[in-house]
Amino acid sequence: MHTRGEQADSTWKGPRSALPVVVLQSGDQTSPPGATVTLECRMGEGIDMSSYTMLWYRQNHHRAQVEFLIKEHEKTVGRFHSSIEATKNSFSLQITELFVNDSSTYYCATVTVMQPDQALIQITGLYISLTVSVKEHKDSLQLSALKLQQFFMQLFISVNNFEPAYFGRGTKLTVLESGRDPTPPTVKVLPPSQKECRNKKDRKRKKTLVCVATGFYPDHVKVSWTINGVGKPEGVATDSAAVREGQFYRITSRLRVPADEWFKPDNKFTCNVKFFDGTTSTDHAESINGETDVSGGGMSREKYLRITQSAKLSYGVFIVKSCIYGAFVSFLVWKLQSSAGKQKK
């Protein structure tokens, strides 16, 4: 089993505390089939885990449905075992006898524990079943939908169970296929197309560089761009997930910059791909430099080459015609001289 650093989610404001609700998860992992892994989760500093209900979810692949797995105190569900120690701010998920299809992104989540003065409202057909929890007793009320509207509107103002859930950023787990070793990516940066036109919306000239990382396994990669060593978060569009091609993965990222940045030969554009092989993260990068704008202020390189080729062709035709004309004049001179010689005789 291999893992990398802890990941924190973004900051959220808690419903019942001035402190932000932050869910922290352990880093990504890889593991061979048949092994046991443990995923860790904890709350941010100053947050009492006992005030929340902790849960685990997973998402098998990008855009797949998020699947609920287990919550605290359920102990074991199949090969999934949860363990909570609220006093130590720790909530873990253990998965035994791993299979390749256990490869997923696992999310730790938390919701606020329902307070005694809250009500759980469930709509069922023509009736609404209302269960009110009070400190000393519980009453179950069932009201006809036809008579419920006024009562429900008054009740809705004071009691509800619409507390939000807070998720961590997820822990990506890859169960390695039998006989497969991690393989780092090959990175290639492609220059902008010569046919790229002005942006019709903002009328500004733009150029798009494309970075393609291929031939890697597993799909634990992160792509970023720099210009002259400085990070470039603006204008970057990276595939939301790597795409499998045969036995390996591929991911593409695009960097869109103003044309005047590209047409500076001293500018160095670098695509950085960070690859996690299950033990360490390694950096793989490729760079290209900008080009000189040979368009003379708006002319594309393609048009410039077309004009110069046309000029060369025209010049060649002119030379050929000049040679033919010179030969014709020489022939006339020779003819006249020959005629004059015959007349003297």
Protein backbone atom coordinates (compact mmCIF):
# COMPACT_ATOMS: atom_id res chain seq x y z
CA MET A 1 0.00 0.00 0.00
CA HIS A 2 1.32 3.41 -0.92
CA THR A 3 -0.01 6.83 -0.05
CA ARG A 4 0.77 10.50 -0.37
CA GLY A 5 0.05 13.64 1.66
CA GLU A 6 -3.12 14.75 3.35
CA GLN A 7 -5.64 16.75 1.35
CA ALA A 8 -7.89 19.45 2.70
CA ASP A 9 -11.17 20.60 1.27
CA SER A 10 -12.16 24.20 0.71
CA THR A 11 -13.41 26.29 3.59
CA TRP A 12 -17.08 26.16 4.47
CA LYS A 13 -18.98 28.07 7.13
CA GLY A 14 -20.60 25.72 9.61
CA PRO A 15 -24.31 25.94 10.32
CA ARG A 16 -23.92 26.09 14.10
CA SER A 17 -20.40 27.34 14.66
CA ALA A 18 -18.38 30.43 13.92
CA LEU A 19 -15.56 28.12 12.86
CA PRO A 20 -15.42 26.87 9.26
CA VAL A 21 -16.32 23.22 8.71
CA VAL A 22 -13.28 21.60 7.09
CA VAL A 23 -13.03 17.91 6.16
CA LEU A 24 -9.46 16.59 5.77
CA GLN A 25 -8.60 13.31 4.01
CA SER A 26 -5.47 11.23 3.58
CA GLY A 27 -3.67 11.41 0.23
CA ASP A 28 -4.02 9.22 -2.84
CA GLN A 29 -3.04 5.56 -2.63
CA THR A 30 -2.12 2.58 -4.79
CA SER A 31 -2.24 -1.03 -3.66
CA PRO A 32 -1.95 -4.55 -5.08
CA PRO A 33 -5.03 -6.80 -5.28
CA GLY A 34 -5.93 -8.76 -2.15
CA ALA A 35 -4.37 -6.25 0.25
CA THR A 36 -6.07 -4.15 2.94
CA VAL A 37 -6.05 -0.35 2.92
CA THR A 38 -7.18 2.25 5.43
CA LEU A 39 -8.38 5.70 4.39
CA GLU A 40 -8.24 8.42 7.03
CA CYS A 41 -10.52 11.38 7.63
CA ARG A 42 -10.65 14.07 10.29
CA MET A 43 -12.31 17.41 11.00
CA GLY A 44 -10.55 20.74 10.92
CA GLU A 45 -9.03 22.25 14.03
CA GLY A 46 -11.52 23.34 16.66
CA ILE A 47 -14.45 21.30 15.27
CA ASP A 48 -16.07 18.74 17.57
CA MET A 49 -16.67 15.57 15.53
CA SER A 50 -19.30 14.39 18.04
CA SER A 51 -21.59 17.19 16.81
CA TYR A 52 -21.66 15.68 13.32
CA THR A 53 -22.58 12.42 11.62
CA MET A 54 -19.68 11.03 9.58
CA LEU A 55 -20.14 9.12 6.31
CA TRP A 56 -18.12 7.57 3.48
CA TYR A 57 -19.00 7.70 -0.24
CA ARG A 58 -17.20 6.67 -3.40
CA GLN A 59 -17.24 7.57 -7.09
CA ASN A 60 -16.05 4.83 -9.43
CA HIS A 61 -14.98 7.18 -12.21
CA HIS A 62 -15.41 10.75 -13.36
CA ARG A 63 -19.08 11.71 -13.79
CA ALA A 64 -20.23 8.40 -12.31
CA GLN A 65 -22.93 8.47 -9.64
CA VAL A 66 -21.61 9.03 -6.12
CA GLU A 67 -22.38 5.89 -4.11
CA PHE A 68 -23.04 5.85 -0.36
CA LEU A 69 -20.93 3.23 1.43
CA ILE A 70 -21.16 3.39 5.20
CA LYS A 71 -21.65 5.76 8.10
CA GLU A 72 -20.28 5.88 11.61
CA HIS A 73 -21.23 3.10 14.04
CA GLU A 74 -22.38 0.81 11.20
CA LYS A 75 -19.12 -1.06 11.78
CA THR A 76 -18.95 -3.48 8.82
CA VAL A 77 -20.75 -3.53 5.47
CA GLY A 78 -19.29 -6.33 3.35
CA ARG A 79 -15.57 -5.63 3.01
CA PHE A 80 -15.96 -2.04 4.28
CA HIS A 81 -15.35 -1.29 7.92
CA SER A 82 -15.71 2.16 9.48
CA SER A 83 -14.13 3.24 12.74
CA ILE A 84 -14.64 6.49 14.60
CA GLU A 85 -12.83 7.99 17.58
CA ALA A 86 -14.46 11.35 18.12
CA THR A 87 -12.16 12.23 21.01
CA LYS A 88 -9.18 11.80 18.66
CA ASN A 89 -10.97 13.52 15.78
CA SER A 90 -10.53 10.41 13.63
CA PHE A 91 -12.89 8.62 11.24
CA SER A 92 -11.42 5.87 9.05
CA LEU A 93 -12.54 3.46 6.34
CA GLN A 94 -10.87 0.07 6.02
CA ILE A 95 -11.27 -2.00 2.84
CA THR A 96 -10.19 -5.63 2.92
CA GLU A 97 -9.39 -8.13 0.15
CA LEU A 98 -9.05 -5.45 -2.52
CA PHE A 99 -10.27 -6.04 -6.07
CA VAL A 100 -9.31 -4.03 -9.15
CA ASN A 101 -12.85 -2.62 -9.32
CA ASP A 102 -12.36 -1.11 -5.87
CA SER A 103 -10.37 1.59 -7.70
CA SER A 104 -12.37 4.74 -7.02
CA THR A 105 -12.27 8.15 -5.42
CA TYR A 106 -13.47 7.85 -1.81
CA TYR A 107 -15.13 10.84 -0.15
CA CYS A 108 -15.46 11.49 3.55
CA ALA A 109 -18.49 13.62 4.41
CA THR A 110 -20.19 15.07 7.45
CA VAL A 111 -23.65 16.36 8.30
CA THR A 112 -24.90 18.10 11.39
CA VAL A 113 -26.52 15.83 13.97
CA MET A 114 -30.29 16.48 14.15
CA GLN A 115 -31.16 18.50 17.24
CA PRO A 116 -34.09 17.56 19.54
CA ASP A 117 -36.16 20.53 18.38
CA GLN A 118 -35.92 19.56 14.70
CA ALA A 119 -38.44 17.60 12.66
CA LEU A 120 -38.01 15.08 9.85
CA ILE A 121 -40.58 15.63 7.11
CA GLN A 122 -41.23 12.89 4.55
CA ILE A 123 -43.70 13.25 1.69
CA THR A 124 -45.47 9.97 0.84
CA GLY A 125 -48.16 10.16 -1.82
CA LEU A 126 -51.27 12.00 -0.64
CA TYR A 127 -50.16 12.10 2.96
CA ILE A 128 -47.27 13.69 4.81
CA SER A 129 -45.92 11.72 7.71
CA LEU A 130 -44.49 14.06 10.35
CA THR A 131 -42.30 12.80 13.18
CA VAL A 132 -41.38 15.37 15.83
CA SER A 133 -38.51 14.62 18.19
CA VAL A 134 -38.76 16.27 21.58
CA LYS A 135 -36.44 15.84 24.56
CA GLU A 136 -38.99 13.87 26.56
CA HIS A 137 -41.30 12.20 24.03
CA LYS A 138 -42.11 11.53 20.34
CA ASP A 139 -45.44 12.06 18.62
CA SER A 140 -46.33 10.73 15.18
CA LEU A 141 -48.87 12.78 13.29
CA GLN A 142 -50.49 11.89 10.00
CA LEU A 143 -52.56 14.59 8.35
CA SER A 144 -54.66 14.60 5.21
CA ALA A 145 -52.94 16.50 2.40
CA LEU A 146 -56.12 18.51 1.89
CA LYS A 147 -55.97 19.98 5.42
CA LEU A 148 -52.20 20.24 5.71
CA GLN A 149 -51.26 23.43 3.85
CA GLN A 150 -51.83 25.98 6.65
CA PHE A 151 -50.31 23.72 9.32
CA PHE A 152 -47.27 22.90 7.17
CA MET A 153 -46.53 26.56 6.37
CA GLN A 154 -46.53 27.48 10.07
CA LEU A 155 -44.37 24.47 10.97
CA PHE A 156 -41.87 25.04 8.15
CA ILE A 157 -40.86 28.40 9.60
CA SER A 158 -39.61 26.92 12.87
CA VAL A 159 -38.45 23.38 12.17
CA ASN A 160 -36.57 21.81 9.25
CA ASN A 161 -33.81 19.34 8.43
CA PHE A 162 -32.13 21.10 5.54
CA GLU A 163 -28.63 21.16 7.02
CA PRO A 164 -25.91 20.89 4.34
CA ALA A 165 -23.36 18.10 3.99
CA TYR A 166 -19.64 18.88 3.82
CA PHE A 167 -17.29 16.76 1.70
CA GLY A 168 -13.54 16.36 1.64
CA ARG A 169 -11.63 16.53 -1.64
CA GLY A 170 -11.52 12.76 -1.91
CA THR A 171 -8.85 10.06 -1.74
CA LYS A 172 -8.09 8.40 -5.07
CA LEU A 173 -7.40 4.68 -4.63
CA THR A 174 -5.99 2.58 -7.48
CA VAL A 175 -5.79 -1.19 -7.12
CA LEU A 176 -3.01 -2.12 -9.53
CA GLU A 177 -3.72 -4.69 -12.20
CA SER A 178 -1.80 -7.96 -11.88
CA GLY A 179 1.65 -7.82 -13.45
CA ARG A 180 1.50 -4.07 -14.07
CA ASP A 181 4.19 -1.66 -12.92
CA PRO A 182 3.71 2.11 -12.70
CA THR A 183 4.81 3.84 -15.91
CA PRO A 184 5.55 7.60 -16.06
CA PRO A 185 4.13 9.82 -18.80
CA THR A 186 5.71 11.09 -21.97
CA VAL A 187 5.03 14.82 -22.31
CA LYS A 188 4.77 16.71 -25.60
CA VAL A 189 3.93 20.39 -26.12
CA LEU A 190 2.45 21.39 -29.49
CA PRO A 191 2.76 24.98 -30.75
CA PRO A 192 -0.29 27.03 -31.76
CA SER A 193 -1.90 26.39 -35.11
CA GLN A 194 -0.94 28.87 -37.83
CA LYS A 195 -4.62 29.03 -38.79
CA GLU A 196 -5.81 30.15 -35.37
CA CYS A 197 -7.91 33.29 -35.86
CA ARG A 198 -9.01 36.19 -33.75
CA ASN A 199 -11.48 35.56 -30.96
CA LYS A 200 -14.82 36.65 -32.40
CA LYS A 201 -16.13 37.59 -28.96
CA ASP A 202 -13.43 39.92 -27.64
CA ARG A 203 -11.67 40.60 -30.96
CA LYS A 204 -8.30 39.88 -29.35
CA ARG A 205 -5.69 37.74 -30.99
CA LYS A 206 -5.09 34.55 -29.02
CA LYS A 207 -2.81 31.56 -29.39
CA THR A 208 -3.43 28.08 -27.92
CA LEU A 209 -0.64 25.71 -26.88
CA VAL A 210 -1.52 22.05 -26.35
CA CYS A 211 0.17 19.68 -23.89
CA VAL A 212 -0.34 15.94 -24.34
CA ALA A 213 0.81 13.43 -21.70
CA THR A 214 0.62 9.82 -22.84
CA GLY A 215 1.69 6.29 -21.96
CA PHE A 216 1.30 6.46 -18.16
CA TYR A 217 -0.19 4.08 -15.59
CA PRO A 218 -1.94 4.51 -13.18
CA ASP A 219 -3.86 7.73 -13.83
CA HIS A 220 -2.51 9.72 -10.86
CA VAL A 221 -1.41 12.91 -12.64
CA LYS A 222 -1.76 16.66 -12.21
CA VAL A 223 -1.01 19.12 -15.01
CA SER A 224 0.10 22.74 -14.68
CA TRP A 225 1.68 25.44 -16.88
CA THR A 226 4.39 28.04 -16.38
CA ILE A 227 5.66 30.91 -18.51
CA ASN A 228 9.29 31.73 -17.81
CA GLY A 229 9.04 29.70 -14.59
CA VAL A 230 5.98 31.56 -13.26
CA GLY A 231 2.73 29.65 -12.71
CA LYS A 232 -0.04 30.39 -15.19
CA PRO A 233 -3.47 29.53 -13.77
CA GLU A 234 -5.40 31.76 -16.19
CA GLY A 235 -6.32 30.48 -19.62
CA VAL A 236 -5.69 26.82 -18.71
CA ALA A 237 -8.18 24.09 -19.64
CA THR A 238 -7.22 20.54 -18.63
CA ASP A 239 -9.21 17.37 -19.20
CA SER A 240 -11.26 16.60 -16.10
CA ALA A 241 -9.94 13.02 -16.09
CA ALA A 242 -7.33 10.96 -17.92
CA VAL A 243 -8.61 8.78 -20.76
CA ARG A 244 -7.64 5.13 -21.01
CA GLU A 245 -6.12 4.03 -24.31
CA GLY A 246 -5.32 0.32 -24.29
CA GLN A 247 -3.09 -0.40 -21.30
CA PHE A 248 -2.19 3.22 -20.60
CA TYR A 249 -3.71 6.65 -20.03
CA ARG A 250 -3.64 9.98 -21.84
CA ILE A 251 -4.51 13.51 -20.68
CA THR A 252 -4.55 16.81 -22.56
CA SER A 253 -4.20 20.38 -21.34
CA ARG A 254 -4.52 23.63 -23.27
CA LEU A 255 -3.00 27.04 -22.52
CA ARG A 256 -4.52 30.06 -24.26
CA VAL A 257 -2.40 33.23 -24.24
CA PRO A 258 -2.45 36.63 -25.99
CA ALA A 259 -0.71 36.45 -29.35
CA ASP A 260 1.85 39.08 -28.33
CA GLU A 261 3.03 36.73 -25.54
CA TRP A 262 3.54 33.92 -28.03
CA PHE A 263 5.35 36.15 -30.51
CA LYS A 264 8.25 36.72 -28.13
CA PRO A 265 11.06 34.22 -28.77
CA ASP A 266 12.44 34.73 -25.24
CA ASN A 267 9.22 33.50 -23.62
CA LYS A 268 9.46 29.88 -22.43
CA PHE A 269 6.21 27.92 -22.13
CA THR A 270 6.43 24.80 -19.95
CA CYS A 271 3.89 22.04 -19.34
CA ASN A 272 4.47 20.26 -16.01
CA VAL A 273 2.97 16.83 -15.31
CA LYS A 274 3.25 15.54 -11.74
CA PHE A 275 2.96 11.73 -11.65
CA PHE A 276 2.35 9.68 -8.50
CA ASP A 277 3.74 6.16 -8.94
CA GLY A 278 2.47 4.82 -5.62
CA THR A 279 5.60 5.73 -3.70
CA THR A 280 6.74 9.17 -4.77
CA SER A 281 5.61 12.00 -7.00
CA THR A 282 7.86 12.77 -9.96
CA ASP A 283 7.81 15.77 -12.30
CA HIS A 284 7.81 15.40 -16.07
CA ALA A 285 7.92 18.50 -18.27
CA GLU A 286 8.52 19.82 -21.75
CA SER A 287 9.06 23.40 -22.90
CA ILE A 288 8.90 25.35 -26.12
CA ASN A 289 9.83 28.94 -26.86
CA GLY A 290 7.72 31.58 -28.51
CA GLU A 291 8.20 32.53 -32.14
CA THR A 292 9.04 35.70 -34.02
CA ASP A 293 6.01 37.32 -35.59
CA VAL A 294 6.94 37.30 -39.28
CA SER A 295 3.51 38.57 -40.25
CA GLY A 296 4.49 42.24 -40.10
CA GLY A 297 1.59 43.13 -37.88
CA GLY A 298 -1.30 40.81 -38.52
CA MET A 299 -0.14 38.58 -41.42
CA SER A 300 0.02 34.87 -40.62
CA ARG A 301 3.15 32.82 -41.24
CA GLU A 302 1.22 30.73 -43.75
CA LYS A 303 0.25 33.83 -45.75
CA TYR A 304 3.81 35.14 -45.56
CA LEU A 305 5.20 31.87 -46.94
CA ARG A 306 2.57 31.83 -49.68
CA ILE A 307 3.50 35.36 -50.75
CA THR A 308 7.25 34.65 -50.77
CA GLN A 309 6.75 31.44 -52.75
CA SER A 310 4.60 33.30 -55.23
CA ALA A 311 7.26 35.98 -55.54
CA LYS A 312 9.94 33.35 -56.17
CA LEU A 313 7.78 31.72 -58.84
CA SER A 314 7.10 35.07 -60.51
CA TYR A 315 10.79 35.89 -60.46
CA GLY A 316 11.61 32.50 -62.01
CA VAL A 317 9.04 33.03 -64.77
CA PHE A 318 10.51 36.50 -65.40
CA ILE A 319 14.01 35.05 -65.76
CA VAL A 320 12.80 32.37 -68.20
CA LYS A 321 10.94 34.94 -70.27
CA SER A 322 14.02 37.19 -70.30
CA CYS A 323 16.17 34.32 -71.54
CA ILE A 324 13.68 33.50 -74.29
CA TYR A 325 13.47 37.17 -75.29
CA GLY A 326 17.27 37.45 -75.31
CA ALA A 327 17.54 34.34 -77.49
CA PHE A 328 14.93 35.75 -79.88
CA VAL A 329 16.76 39.08 -80.18
CA SER A 330 20.07 37.28 -80.77
CA PHE A 331 18.41 35.21 -83.50
CA LEU A 332 17.08 38.35 -85.22
CA VAL A 333 20.50 40.02 -85.08
CA TRP A 334 22.13 36.95 -86.56
CA LYS A 335 19.49 36.76 -89.28
CA LEU A 336 19.97 40.40 -90.25
CA GLN A 337 23.74 40.03 -90.34
CA SER A 338 23.46 36.96 -92.55
CA SER A 339 21.15 38.80 -94.99
CA ALA A 340 23.51 41.79 -95.17
CA GLY A 341 26.49 39.53 -95.99
CA LYS A 342 24.67 37.89 -98.89
CA GLN A 343 23.72 41.26 -100.44
CA LYS A 344 27.39 42.44 -100.44
CA LYS A 345 28.41 39.36 -102.38
